[in-house]
PDB file of N, CA and C in Angstrom:
ATOM      1  N   SER A   1     -30.296 -10.520 -29.843  1.00  0.00           N
ATOM      2  CA  SER A   1     -30.050 -11.951 -29.877  1.00  0.00           C
ATOM      3  C   SER A   1     -29.503 -12.525 -28.554  1.00  0.00           C
ATOM      4  N   ASN A   2     -29.667 -13.820 -28.388  1.00  0.00           N
ATOM      5  CA  ASN A   2     -29.186 -14.392 -27.175  1.00  0.00           C
ATOM      6  C   ASN A   2     -27.646 -14.295 -27.036  1.00  0.00           C
ATOM      7  N   MET A   3     -26.890 -14.460 -28.080  1.00  0.00           N
ATOM      8  CA  MET A   3     -25.473 -14.417 -28.095  1.00  0.00           C
ATOM      9  C   MET A   3     -24.963 -13.144 -27.500  1.00  0.00           C
ATOM     10  N   GLU A   4     -25.576 -11.962 -27.931  1.00  0.00           N
ATOM     11  CA  GLU A   4     -25.155 -10.572 -27.483  1.00  0.00           C
ATOM     12  C   GLU A   4     -25.262 -10.439 -26.056  1.00  0.00           C
ATOM     13  N   ALA A   5     -26.253 -11.059 -25.493  1.00  0.00           N
ATOM     14  CA  ALA A   5     -26.553 -10.919 -24.047  1.00  0.00           C
ATOM     15  C   ALA A   5     -25.389 -11.554 -23.187  1.00  0.00           C
ATOM     16  N   GLU A   6     -24.819 -12.525 -23.862  1.00  0.00           N
ATOM     17  CA  GLU A   6     -23.656 -13.254 -23.126  1.00  0.00           C
ATOM     18  C   GLU A   6     -22.344 -12.520 -23.339  1.00  0.00           C
ATOM     19  N   LEU A   7     -22.246 -11.727 -24.278  1.00  0.00           N
ATOM     20  CA  LEU A   7     -20.975 -11.010 -24.447  1.00  0.00           C
ATOM     21  C   LEU A   7     -20.770  -9.889 -23.375  1.00  0.00           C
ATOM     22  N   PRO A   8     -19.607  -9.833 -22.890  1.00  0.00           N
ATOM     23  CA  PRO A   8     -19.289  -8.772 -21.906  1.00  0.00           C
ATOM     24  C   PRO A   8     -19.478  -7.375 -22.495  1.00  0.00           C
ATOM     25  N   ASN A   9     -19.969  -6.374 -21.777  1.00  0.00           N
ATOM     26  CA  ASN A   9     -20.067  -5.008 -22.325  1.00  0.00           C
ATOM     27  C   ASN A   9     -18.764  -4.325 -22.123  1.00  0.00           C
ATOM     28  N   ILE A  10     -17.993  -4.285 -23.210  1.00  0.00           N
ATOM     29  CA  ILE A  10     -16.612  -3.741 -23.105  1.00  0.00           C
ATOM     30  C   ILE A  10     -16.677  -2.197 -22.950  1.00  0.00           C
ATOM     31  N   LYS A  11     -17.768  -1.664 -23.237  1.00  0.00           N
ATOM     32  CA  LYS A  11     -17.909  -0.127 -23.074  1.00  0.00           C
ATOM     33  C   LYS A  11     -17.778   0.246 -21.619  1.00  0.00           C
ATOM     34  N   LYS A  12     -17.905  -0.741 -20.707  1.00  0.00           N
ATOM     35  CA  LYS A  12     -17.728  -0.476 -19.256  1.00  0.00           C
ATOM     36  C   LYS A  12     -16.297  -0.742 -18.822  1.00  0.00           C
ATOM     37  N   TRP A  13     -15.507  -1.364 -19.676  1.00  0.00           N
ATOM     38  CA  TRP A  13     -14.178  -1.716 -19.168  1.00  0.00           C
ATOM     39  C   TRP A  13     -13.250  -0.481 -19.176  1.00  0.00           C
ATOM     40  N   ILE A  14     -12.224  -0.500 -18.374  1.00  0.00           N
ATOM     41  CA  ILE A  14     -11.314   0.711 -18.349  1.00  0.00           C
ATOM     42  C   ILE A  14     -10.540   0.815 -19.678  1.00  0.00           C
ATOM     43  N   VAL A  15     -10.142   1.944 -19.983  1.00  0.00           N
ATOM     44  CA  VAL A  15      -9.472   2.195 -21.280  1.00  0.00           C
ATOM     45  C   VAL A  15      -7.984   2.529 -20.919  1.00  0.00           C
ATOM     46  N   LEU A  16      -7.039   1.879 -21.562  1.00  0.00           N
ATOM     47  CA  LEU A  16      -5.647   2.097 -21.457  1.00  0.00           C
ATOM     48  C   LEU A  16      -5.098   2.513 -22.783  1.00  0.00           C
ATOM     49  N   TYR A  17      -4.647   3.745 -22.857  1.00  0.00           N
ATOM     50  CA  TYR A  17      -3.837   4.150 -24.092  1.00  0.00           C
ATOM     51  C   TYR A  17      -2.418   3.881 -23.871  1.00  0.00           C
ATOM     52  N   PRO A  18      -1.681   3.486 -24.880  1.00  0.00           N
ATOM     53  CA  PRO A  18      -0.237   3.159 -24.651  1.00  0.00           C
ATOM     54  C   PRO A  18       0.536   4.401 -24.110  1.00  0.00           C
ATOM     55  N   VAL A  19      -0.005   5.665 -24.443  1.00  0.00           N
ATOM     56  CA  VAL A  19       0.733   6.855 -23.996  1.00  0.00           C
ATOM     57  C   VAL A  19       0.742   6.864 -22.468  1.00  0.00           C
ATOM     58  N   TYR A  20      -0.266   6.285 -21.821  1.00  0.00           N
ATOM     59  CA  TYR A  20      -0.199   6.377 -20.405  1.00  0.00           C
ATOM     60  C   TYR A  20       0.988   5.807 -19.674  1.00  0.00           C
ATOM     61  N   ILE A  21       1.563   4.857 -20.366  1.00  0.00           N
ATOM     62  CA  ILE A  21       2.738   4.175 -19.777  1.00  0.00           C
ATOM     63  C   ILE A  21       4.062   4.253 -20.660  1.00  0.00           C
ATOM     64  N   ASN A  22       4.105   5.311 -21.490  1.00  0.00           N
ATOM     65  CA  ASN A  22       5.182   5.584 -22.377  1.00  0.00           C
ATOM     66  C   ASN A  22       6.212   6.529 -21.849  1.00  0.00           C
ATOM     67  N   SER A  23       7.398   5.933 -21.550  1.00  0.00           N
ATOM     68  CA  SER A  23       8.456   6.689 -20.936  1.00  0.00           C
ATOM     69  C   SER A  23       8.858   7.918 -21.870  1.00  0.00           C
ATOM     70  N   LYS A  24       8.600   7.807 -23.216  1.00  0.00           N
ATOM     71  CA  LYS A  24       9.067   8.906 -24.082  1.00  0.00           C
ATOM     72  C   LYS A  24       8.025  10.028 -24.032  1.00  0.00           C
ATOM     73  N   LYS A  25       6.963   9.845 -23.307  1.00  0.00           N
ATOM     74  CA  LYS A  25       5.988  10.985 -23.336  1.00  0.00           C
ATOM     75  C   LYS A  25       6.080  11.697 -21.964  1.00  0.00           C
ATOM     76  N   THR A  26       5.669  12.964 -22.032  1.00  0.00           N
ATOM     77  CA  THR A  26       5.605  13.765 -20.774  1.00  0.00           C
ATOM     78  C   THR A  26       4.246  13.530 -20.126  1.00  0.00           C
ATOM     79  N   VAL A  27       4.102  14.010 -18.914  1.00  0.00           N
ATOM     80  CA  VAL A  27       2.842  14.033 -18.228  1.00  0.00           C
ATOM     81  C   VAL A  27       1.841  14.920 -18.999  1.00  0.00           C
ATOM     82  N   ALA A  28       2.311  15.962 -19.542  1.00  0.00           N
ATOM     83  CA  ALA A  28       1.432  16.880 -20.329  1.00  0.00           C
ATOM     84  C   ALA A  28       0.981  16.171 -21.645  1.00  0.00           C
ATOM     85  N   GLU A  29       1.717  15.329 -22.106  1.00  0.00           N
ATOM     86  CA  GLU A  29       1.369  14.566 -23.333  1.00  0.00           C
ATOM     87  C   GLU A  29       0.571  13.362 -22.979  1.00  0.00           C
ATOM     88  N   GLY A  30       0.374  13.048 -21.737  1.00  0.00           N
ATOM     89  CA  GLY A  30      -0.493  11.969 -21.372  1.00  0.00           C
ATOM     90  C   GLY A  30       0.013  10.849 -20.542  1.00  0.00           C
ATOM     91  N   ARG A  31       1.358  10.867 -20.224  1.00  0.00           N
ATOM     92  CA  ARG A  31       1.890   9.786 -19.394  1.00  0.00           C
ATOM     93  C   ARG A  31       1.294   9.822 -17.993  1.00  0.00           C
ATOM     94  N   ARG A  32       0.949   8.685 -17.476  1.00  0.00           N
ATOM     95  CA  ARG A  32       0.195   8.749 -16.211  1.00  0.00           C
ATOM     96  C   ARG A  32       1.040   8.059 -15.049  1.00  0.00           C
ATOM     97  N   ILE A  33       2.119   7.429 -15.390  1.00  0.00           N
ATOM     98  CA  ILE A  33       2.919   6.804 -14.327  1.00  0.00           C
ATOM     99  C   ILE A  33       4.278   7.314 -14.309  1.00  0.00           C
ATOM    100  N   GLY A  34       5.081   7.009 -13.271  1.00  0.00           N
ATOM    101  CA  GLY A  34       6.403   7.450 -13.213  1.00  0.00           C
ATOM    102  C   GLY A  34       7.282   6.817 -14.296  1.00  0.00           C
ATOM    103  N   ILE A  35       8.268   7.647 -14.706  1.00  0.00           N
ATOM    104  CA  ILE A  35       9.249   7.245 -15.732  1.00  0.00           C
ATOM    105  C   ILE A  35       9.860   5.828 -15.416  1.00  0.00           C
ATOM    106  N   ALA A  36      10.204   5.646 -14.230  1.00  0.00           N
ATOM    107  CA  ALA A  36      10.836   4.396 -13.767  1.00  0.00           C
ATOM    108  C   ALA A  36      10.010   3.172 -14.065  1.00  0.00           C
ATOM    109  N   LYS A  37       8.683   3.340 -14.068  1.00  0.00           N
ATOM    110  CA  LYS A  37       7.817   2.170 -14.228  1.00  0.00           C
ATOM    111  C   LYS A  37       7.220   2.136 -15.691  1.00  0.00           C
ATOM    112  N   ALA A  38       7.531   3.175 -16.415  1.00  0.00           N
ATOM    113  CA  ALA A  38       7.000   3.260 -17.857  1.00  0.00           C
ATOM    114  C   ALA A  38       7.904   2.568 -18.770  1.00  0.00           C
ATOM    115  N   CYS A  39       7.557   2.288 -20.012  1.00  0.00           N
ATOM    116  CA  CYS A  39       8.385   1.689 -20.966  1.00  0.00           C
ATOM    117  C   CYS A  39       8.351   2.413 -22.167  1.00  0.00           C
ATOM    118  N   GLU A  40       9.380   2.249 -22.980  1.00  0.00           N
ATOM    119  CA  GLU A  40       9.626   2.989 -24.214  1.00  0.00           C
ATOM    120  C   GLU A  40       8.621   2.572 -25.313  1.00  0.00           C
ATOM    121  N   ASN A  41       7.807   3.470 -25.783  1.00  0.00           N
ATOM    122  CA  ASN A  41       6.980   3.213 -26.844  1.00  0.00           C
ATOM    123  C   ASN A  41       6.208   1.891 -26.805  1.00  0.00           C
ATOM    124  N   PRO A  42       5.482   1.526 -25.787  1.00  0.00           N
ATOM    125  CA  PRO A  42       4.784   0.319 -25.694  1.00  0.00           C
ATOM    126  C   PRO A  42       3.700   0.173 -26.742  1.00  0.00           C
ATOM    127  N   THR A  43       3.365  -0.941 -27.149  1.00  0.00           N
ATOM    128  CA  THR A  43       2.355  -1.212 -28.150  1.00  0.00           C
ATOM    129  C   THR A  43       1.066  -1.802 -27.469  1.00  0.00           C
ATOM    130  N   CYS A  44       0.015  -1.642 -28.234  1.00  0.00           N
ATOM    131  CA  CYS A  44      -1.245  -2.285 -27.667  1.00  0.00           C
ATOM    132  C   CYS A  44      -1.004  -3.809 -27.447  1.00  0.00           C
ATOM    133  N   ALA A  45      -0.363  -4.428 -28.373  1.00  0.00           N
ATOM    134  CA  ALA A  45      -0.139  -5.877 -28.257  1.00  0.00           C
ATOM    135  C   ALA A  45       0.670  -6.171 -27.034  1.00  0.00           C
ATOM    136  N   GLU A  46       1.676  -5.322 -26.651  1.00  0.00           N
ATOM    137  CA  GLU A  46       2.390  -5.633 -25.430  1.00  0.00           C
ATOM    138  C   GLU A  46       1.532  -5.409 -24.224  1.00  0.00           C
ATOM    139  N   ILE A  47       0.665  -4.390 -24.179  1.00  0.00           N
ATOM    140  CA  ILE A  47      -0.222  -4.183 -23.119  1.00  0.00           C
ATOM    141  C   ILE A  47      -1.195  -5.412 -23.007  1.00  0.00           C
ATOM    142  N   GLY A  48      -1.674  -5.877 -24.141  1.00  0.00           N
ATOM    143  CA  GLY A  48      -2.496  -7.076 -24.168  1.00  0.00           C
ATOM    144  C   GLY A  48      -1.713  -8.273 -23.572  1.00  0.00           C
ATOM    145  N   ASP A  49      -0.487  -8.423 -23.918  1.00  0.00           N
ATOM    146  CA  ASP A  49       0.329  -9.493 -23.361  1.00  0.00           C
ATOM    147  C   ASP A  49       0.380  -9.458 -21.829  1.00  0.00           C
ATOM    148  N   CYS A  50       0.517  -8.134 -21.293  1.00  0.00           N
ATOM    149  CA  CYS A  50       0.437  -8.009 -19.897  1.00  0.00           C
ATOM    150  C   CYS A  50      -0.797  -8.403 -19.259  1.00  0.00           C
ATOM    151  N   CYS A  51      -1.885  -7.949 -19.891  1.00  0.00           N
ATOM    152  CA  CYS A  51      -3.189  -8.303 -19.391  1.00  0.00           C
ATOM    153  C   CYS A  51      -3.333  -9.806 -19.304  1.00  0.00           C
ATOM    154  N   ASN A  52      -2.893 -10.499 -20.434  1.00  0.00           N
ATOM    155  CA  ASN A  52      -2.929 -11.928 -20.549  1.00  0.00           C
ATOM    156  C   ASN A  52      -2.214 -12.583 -19.422  1.00  0.00           C
ATOM    157  N   TYR A  53      -1.043 -11.971 -19.144  1.00  0.00           N
ATOM    158  CA  TYR A  53      -0.142 -12.614 -18.072  1.00  0.00           C
ATOM    159  C   TYR A  53      -0.816 -12.433 -16.706  1.00  0.00           C
ATOM    160  N   LEU A  54      -1.566 -11.289 -16.510  1.00  0.00           N
ATOM    161  CA  LEU A  54      -2.286 -11.098 -15.351  1.00  0.00           C
ATOM    162  C   LEU A  54      -3.630 -11.629 -15.208  1.00  0.00           C
ATOM    163  N   LYS A  55      -3.962 -12.445 -16.226  1.00  0.00           N
ATOM    164  CA  LYS A  55      -5.335 -13.088 -16.396  1.00  0.00           C
ATOM    165  C   LYS A  55      -6.471 -12.154 -16.449  1.00  0.00           C
ATOM    166  N   LEU A  56      -6.212 -11.024 -16.948  1.00  0.00           N
ATOM    167  CA  LEU A  56      -7.296 -10.035 -17.105  1.00  0.00           C
ATOM    168  C   LEU A  56      -7.862 -10.056 -18.464  1.00  0.00           C
ATOM    169  N   PRO A  57      -9.171 -10.083 -18.697  1.00  0.00           N
ATOM    170  CA  PRO A  57      -9.772 -10.046 -20.085  1.00  0.00           C
ATOM    171  C   PRO A  57      -9.458  -8.783 -20.631  1.00  0.00           C
ATOM    172  N   TYR A  58      -9.214  -8.647 -21.951  1.00  0.00           N
ATOM    173  CA  TYR A  58      -8.776  -7.369 -22.590  1.00  0.00           C
ATOM    174  C   TYR A  58      -9.314  -7.462 -23.990  1.00  0.00           C
ATOM    175  N   ALA A  59      -9.318  -6.207 -24.608  1.00  0.00           N
ATOM    176  CA  ALA A  59      -9.738  -6.108 -25.991  1.00  0.00           C
ATOM    177  C   ALA A  59      -9.010  -4.998 -26.568  1.00  0.00           C
ATOM    178  N   ILE A  60      -8.336  -5.180 -27.727  1.00  0.00           N
ATOM    179  CA  ILE A  60      -7.511  -4.157 -28.402  1.00  0.00           C
ATOM    180  C   ILE A  60      -8.429  -3.495 -29.383  1.00  0.00           C
ATOM    181  N   GLU A  61      -8.512  -2.137 -29.230  1.00  0.00           N
ATOM    182  CA  GLU A  61      -9.387  -1.335 -30.150  1.00  0.00           C
ATOM    183  C   GLU A  61      -8.396  -0.615 -31.090  1.00  0.00           C
ATOM    184  N   ILE A  62      -8.058  -1.111 -32.194  1.00  0.00           N
ATOM    185  CA  ILE A  62      -6.965  -0.615 -33.014  1.00  0.00           C
ATOM    186  C   ILE A  62      -7.375   0.698 -33.674  1.00  0.00           C
ATOM    187  N   ASP A  63      -8.739   0.933 -33.917  1.00  0.00           N
ATOM    188  CA  ASP A  63      -9.139   2.070 -34.670  1.00  0.00           C
ATOM    189  C   ASP A  63      -9.318   3.377 -33.788  1.00  0.00           C
ATOM    190  N   LYS A  64      -9.184   3.267 -32.516  1.00  0.00           N
ATOM    191  CA  LYS A  64      -9.440   4.365 -31.598  1.00  0.00           C
ATOM    192  C   LYS A  64      -8.211   5.264 -31.401  1.00  0.00           C
ATOM    193  N   ALA A  65      -8.330   6.475 -31.531  1.00  0.00           N
ATOM    194  CA  ALA A  65      -7.190   7.373 -31.523  1.00  0.00           C
ATOM    195  C   ALA A  65      -7.204   8.121 -30.055  1.00  0.00           C
ATOM    196  N   TYR A  66      -6.001   8.393 -29.604  1.00  0.00           N
ATOM    197  CA  TYR A  66      -5.816   9.069 -28.363  1.00  0.00           C
ATOM    198  C   TYR A  66      -6.318  10.486 -28.529  1.00  0.00           C
ATOM    199  N   PRO A  67      -7.360  11.012 -27.757  1.00  0.00           N
ATOM    200  CA  PRO A  67      -7.975  12.260 -27.952  1.00  0.00           C
ATOM    201  C   PRO A  67      -6.962  13.481 -28.125  1.00  0.00           C
ATOM    202  N   ARG A  68      -5.921  13.393 -27.374  1.00  0.00           N
ATOM    203  CA  ARG A  68      -4.917  14.530 -27.390  1.00  0.00           C
ATOM    204  C   ARG A  68      -3.913  14.402 -28.593  1.00  0.00           C
ATOM    205  N   ASP A  69      -3.961  13.324 -29.231  1.00  0.00           N
ATOM    206  CA  ASP A  69      -2.911  13.091 -30.292  1.00  0.00           C
ATOM    207  C   ASP A  69      -3.552  12.117 -31.283  1.00  0.00           C
ATOM    208  N   PHE A  70      -4.147  12.602 -32.302  1.00  0.00           N
ATOM    209  CA  PHE A  70      -4.933  11.708 -33.225  1.00  0.00           C
ATOM    210  C   PHE A  70      -3.977  10.877 -34.023  1.00  0.00           C
ATOM    211  N   MET A  71      -2.670  11.120 -33.974  1.00  0.00           N
ATOM    212  CA  MET A  71      -1.759  10.318 -34.723  1.00  0.00           C
ATOM    213  C   MET A  71      -1.492   8.905 -34.008  1.00  0.00           C
ATOM    214  N   GLN A  72      -1.778   8.991 -32.663  1.00  0.00           N
ATOM    215  CA  GLN A  72      -1.616   7.799 -31.858  1.00  0.00           C
ATOM    216  C   GLN A  72      -2.849   6.878 -31.987  1.00  0.00           C
ATOM    217  N   ARG A  73      -2.742   5.886 -32.767  1.00  0.00           N
ATOM    218  CA  ARG A  73      -4.004   4.920 -32.936  1.00  0.00           C
ATOM    219  C   ARG A  73      -3.779   3.748 -31.934  1.00  0.00           C
ATOM    220  N   GLY A  74      -5.024   3.286 -31.545  1.00  0.00           N
ATOM    221  CA  GLY A  74      -5.055   2.076 -30.773  1.00  0.00           C
ATOM    222  C   GLY A  74      -5.133   2.256 -29.242  1.00  0.00           C
ATOM    223  N   ARG A  75      -5.934   1.545 -28.659  1.00  0.00           N
ATOM    224  CA  ARG A  75      -6.045   1.462 -27.177  1.00  0.00           C
ATOM    225  C   ARG A  75      -6.438   0.092 -26.795  1.00  0.00           C
ATOM    226  N   VAL A  76      -6.381  -0.169 -25.398  1.00  0.00           N
ATOM    227  CA  VAL A  76      -6.723  -1.416 -24.927  1.00  0.00           C
ATOM    228  C   VAL A  76      -7.854  -1.220 -23.829  1.00  0.00           C
ATOM    229  N   ARG A  77      -8.854  -2.062 -23.972  1.00  0.00           N
ATOM    230  CA  ARG A  77      -9.845  -2.110 -22.910  1.00  0.00           C
ATOM    231  C   ARG A  77      -9.628  -3.257 -22.010  1.00  0.00           C
ATOM    232  N   VAL A  78      -9.737  -3.046 -20.735  1.00  0.00           N
ATOM    233  CA  VAL A  78      -9.366  -4.068 -19.752  1.00  0.00           C
ATOM    234  C   VAL A  78     -10.494  -4.228 -18.712  1.00  0.00           C
ATOM    235  N   LEU A  79     -10.797  -5.398 -18.352  1.00  0.00           N
ATOM    236  CA  LEU A  79     -11.789  -5.676 -17.384  1.00  0.00           C
ATOM    237  C   LEU A  79     -11.131  -6.067 -16.036  1.00  0.00           C
ATOM    238  N   LEU A  80     -11.350  -5.174 -14.964  1.00  0.00           N
ATOM    239  CA  LEU A  80     -10.872  -5.454 -13.765  1.00  0.00           C
ATOM    240  C   LEU A  80     -11.724  -6.216 -12.795  1.00  0.00           C
ATOM    241  N   LYS A  81     -13.059  -5.984 -12.926  1.00  0.00           N
ATOM    242  CA  LYS A  81     -14.069  -6.475 -11.919  1.00  0.00           C
ATOM    243  C   LYS A  81     -15.183  -7.257 -12.683  1.00  0.00           C
ATOM    244  N   LYS A  82     -15.570  -8.348 -12.061  1.00  0.00           N
ATOM    245  CA  LYS A  82     -16.694  -9.108 -12.545  1.00  0.00           C
ATOM    246  C   LYS A  82     -17.995  -8.339 -12.426  1.00  0.00           C
ATOM    247  N   GLU A  83     -19.049  -8.914 -12.944  1.00  0.00           N
ATOM    248  CA  GLU A  83     -20.406  -8.256 -12.865  1.00  0.00           C
ATOM    249  C   GLU A  83     -20.695  -7.990 -11.475  1.00  0.00           C
ATOM    250  N   ASP A  84     -20.434  -8.853 -10.469  1.00  0.00           N
ATOM    251  CA  ASP A  84     -20.813  -8.637  -9.117  1.00  0.00           C
ATOM    252  C   ASP A  84     -19.936  -7.755  -8.269  1.00  0.00           C
ATOM    253  N   GLY A  85     -18.890  -7.193  -9.015  1.00  0.00           N
ATOM    254  CA  GLY A  85     -18.018  -6.133  -8.346  1.00  0.00           C
ATOM    255  C   GLY A  85     -16.754  -6.806  -7.792  1.00  0.00           C
ATOM    256  N   THR A  86     -16.694  -8.120  -7.774  1.00  0.00           N
ATOM    257  CA  THR A  86     -15.375  -8.657  -7.307  1.00  0.00           C
ATOM    258  C   THR A  86     -14.258  -8.518  -8.304  1.00  0.00           C
ATOM    259  N   LEU A  87     -13.032  -8.400  -7.756  1.00  0.00           N
ATOM    260  CA  LEU A  87     -11.835  -8.265  -8.674  1.00  0.00           C
ATOM    261  C   LEU A  87     -11.471  -9.558  -9.384  1.00  0.00           C
ATOM    262  N   ILE A  88     -11.221  -9.477 -10.579  1.00  0.00           N
ATOM    263  CA  ILE A  88     -10.743 -10.615 -11.347  1.00  0.00           C
ATOM    264  C   ILE A  88      -9.311 -11.034 -10.891  1.00  0.00           C
ATOM    265  N   ASN A  89      -8.498 -10.169 -10.730  1.00  0.00           N
ATOM    266  CA  ASN A  89      -7.113 -10.358 -10.216  1.00  0.00           C
ATOM    267  C   ASN A  89      -7.042  -9.585  -8.930  1.00  0.00           C
ATOM    268  N   PRO A  90      -7.173 -10.252  -7.731  1.00  0.00           N
ATOM    269  CA  PRO A  90      -7.276  -9.481  -6.472  1.00  0.00           C
ATOM    270  C   PRO A  90      -6.182  -8.548  -6.168  1.00  0.00           C
ATOM    271  N   SER A  91      -4.997  -8.768  -6.972  1.00  0.00           N
ATOM    272  CA  SER A  91      -3.881  -7.880  -6.622  1.00  0.00           C
ATOM    273  C   SER A  91      -3.948  -6.574  -7.462  1.00  0.00           C
ATOM    274  N   ILE A  92      -4.845  -6.527  -8.391  1.00  0.00           N
ATOM    275  CA  ILE A  92      -5.025  -5.296  -9.204  1.00  0.00           C
ATOM    276  C   ILE A  92      -6.398  -4.748  -9.094  1.00  0.00           C
ATOM    277  N   SER A  93      -6.467  -3.583  -8.427  1.00  0.00           N
ATOM    278  CA  SER A  93      -7.807  -3.143  -8.179  1.00  0.00           C
ATOM    279  C   SER A  93      -7.964  -1.696  -8.835  1.00  0.00           C
ATOM    280  N   SER A  94      -6.945  -1.020  -9.205  1.00  0.00           N
ATOM    281  CA  SER A  94      -7.131   0.451  -9.549  1.00  0.00           C
ATOM    282  C   SER A  94      -7.139   0.645 -11.078  1.00  0.00           C
ATOM    283  N   MET A  95      -7.525   1.893 -11.385  1.00  0.00           N
ATOM    284  CA  MET A  95      -7.599   2.384 -12.670  1.00  0.00           C
ATOM    285  C   MET A  95      -6.120   2.285 -13.306  1.00  0.00           C
ATOM    286  N   LYS A  96      -5.138   2.471 -12.462  1.00  0.00           N
ATOM    287  CA  LYS A  96      -3.723   2.522 -12.947  1.00  0.00           C
ATOM    288  C   LYS A  96      -3.356   1.062 -13.302  1.00  0.00           C
ATOM    289  N   MET A  97      -4.009   0.122 -12.675  1.00  0.00           N
ATOM    290  CA  MET A  97      -3.994  -1.296 -13.185  1.00  0.00           C
ATOM    291  C   MET A  97      -2.660  -1.700 -13.437  1.00  0.00           C
ATOM    292  N   PRO A  98      -2.557  -2.591 -14.639  1.00  0.00           N
ATOM    293  CA  PRO A  98      -1.255  -3.186 -14.777  1.00  0.00           C
ATOM    294  C   PRO A  98      -0.196  -2.096 -14.849  1.00  0.00           C
ATOM    295  N   CYS A  99      -0.558  -0.931 -15.367  1.00  0.00           N
ATOM    296  CA  CYS A  99       0.384   0.091 -15.590  1.00  0.00           C
ATOM    297  C   CYS A  99       1.390   0.197 -14.403  1.00  0.00           C
ATOM    298  N   ASN A 100       0.812   0.449 -13.317  1.00  0.00           N
ATOM    299  CA  ASN A 100       1.620   0.868 -12.218  1.00  0.00           C
ATOM    300  C   ASN A 100       1.834  -0.282 -11.259  1.00  0.00           C
ATOM    301  N   SER A 101       1.525  -1.461 -11.595  1.00  0.00           N
ATOM    302  CA  SER A 101       1.788  -2.619 -10.773  1.00  0.00           C
ATOM    303  C   SER A 101       3.110  -3.264 -11.139  1.00  0.00           C
ATOM    304  N   VAL A 102       3.723  -3.830 -10.204  1.00  0.00           N
ATOM    305  CA  VAL A 102       5.077  -4.607 -10.530  1.00  0.00           C
ATOM    306  C   VAL A 102       4.726  -5.631 -11.517  1.00  0.00           C
ATOM    307  N   GLN A 103       3.623  -6.310 -11.333  1.00  0.00           N
ATOM    308  CA  GLN A 103       3.281  -7.551 -12.220  1.00  0.00           C
ATOM    309  C   GLN A 103       3.280  -7.116 -13.680  1.00  0.00           C
ATOM    310  N   CYS A 104       2.871  -6.014 -13.919  1.00  0.00           N
ATOM    311  CA  CYS A 104       2.752  -5.383 -15.309  1.00  0.00           C
ATOM    312  C   CYS A 104       4.028  -5.503 -15.996  1.00  0.00           C
ATOM    313  N   ARG A 105       5.074  -5.322 -15.274  1.00  0.00           N
ATOM    314  CA  ARG A 105       6.326  -5.153 -15.980  1.00  0.00           C
ATOM    315  C   ARG A 105       6.932  -6.542 -16.155  1.00  0.00           C
ATOM    316  N   ALA A 106       6.044  -7.525 -16.019  1.00  0.00           N
ATOM    317  CA  ALA A 106       6.449  -8.939 -16.082  1.00  0.00           C
ATOM    318  C   ALA A 106       6.842  -9.221 -17.542  1.00  0.00           C
ATOM    319  N   ILE A 107       7.406 -10.477 -17.618  1.00  0.00           N
ATOM    320  CA  ILE A 107       7.674 -11.212 -18.787  1.00  0.00           C
ATOM    321  C   ILE A 107       8.088 -10.372 -19.967  1.00  0.00           C
ATOM    322  N   LEU A 108       7.864 -10.459 -20.997  1.00  0.00           N
ATOM    323  CA  LEU A 108       7.162 -10.936 -22.067  1.00  0.00           C
ATOM    324  C   LEU A 108       8.083 -11.430 -23.183  1.00  0.00           C
ATOM    325  N   TRP A 109       7.607 -11.874 -24.220  1.00  0.00           N
ATOM    326  CA  TRP A 109       8.222 -12.490 -25.273  1.00  0.00           C
ATOM    327  C   TRP A 109       9.474 -11.711 -25.690  1.00  0.00           C
ATOM    328  N   ASN A 110       9.420 -10.390 -25.733  1.00  0.00           N
ATOM    329  CA  ASN A 110      10.407  -9.748 -26.324  1.00  0.00           C
ATOM    330  C   ASN A 110      11.311  -8.999 -25.307  1.00  0.00           C
ATOM    331  N   GLY A 111      11.016  -9.291 -24.029  1.00  0.00           N
ATOM    332  CA  GLY A 111      11.897  -8.770 -22.979  1.00  0.00           C
ATOM    333  C   GLY A 111      11.690  -7.202 -22.725  1.00  0.00           C
ATOM    334  N   ARG A 112      10.693  -6.688 -23.289  1.00  0.00           N
ATOM    335  CA  ARG A 112      10.504  -5.229 -23.103  1.00  0.00           C
ATOM    336  C   ARG A 112      10.080  -4.899 -21.661  1.00  0.00           C
ATOM    337  N   LEU A 113       9.207  -5.606 -21.064  1.00  0.00           N
ATOM    338  CA  LEU A 113       8.631  -5.356 -19.777  1.00  0.00           C
ATOM    339  C   LEU A 113       9.265  -6.438 -18.862  1.00  0.00           C
ATOM    340  N   VAL A 114       9.978  -5.916 -17.785  1.00  0.00           N
ATOM    341  CA  VAL A 114      10.815  -6.835 -16.968  1.00  0.00           C
ATOM    342  C   VAL A 114      10.218  -6.854 -15.534  1.00  0.00           C
ATOM    343  N   LEU A 115      10.145  -7.954 -15.038  1.00  0.00           N
ATOM    344  CA  LEU A 115       9.671  -8.096 -13.651  1.00  0.00           C
ATOM    345  C   LEU A 115      10.754  -7.590 -12.753  1.00  0.00           C
ATOM    346  N   ASP A 116      10.336  -6.838 -11.671  1.00  0.00           N
ATOM    347  CA  ASP A 116      11.267  -6.307 -10.763  1.00  0.00           C
ATOM    348  C   ASP A 116      11.811  -7.416  -9.879  1.00  0.00           C
TER     349      ASP A 116
END
């Protein structure tokens, strides 16, 4: 259908599991950034809030489990680049994306993530 053609293909968006930025997890368990920049047990909703703050399109996939730990449900898909390859937010270019950027630790309603 015509509608589907207009929807972005989120299968191509990067995947962020909360464990990637969880200070309570070890690198072996899946943490991908330094403890100093990580936050305690972040939720998909909080990661979504960060994406929103950074003006990055995102989609929460609640039913997806982290492959290394099936008890951990939920992940966030994030779009960093437009179809033509240009960055949506020029200050965020990498796979580590909001995770490792100062901006990610911005705001949010419950004060979990704090701007440096």
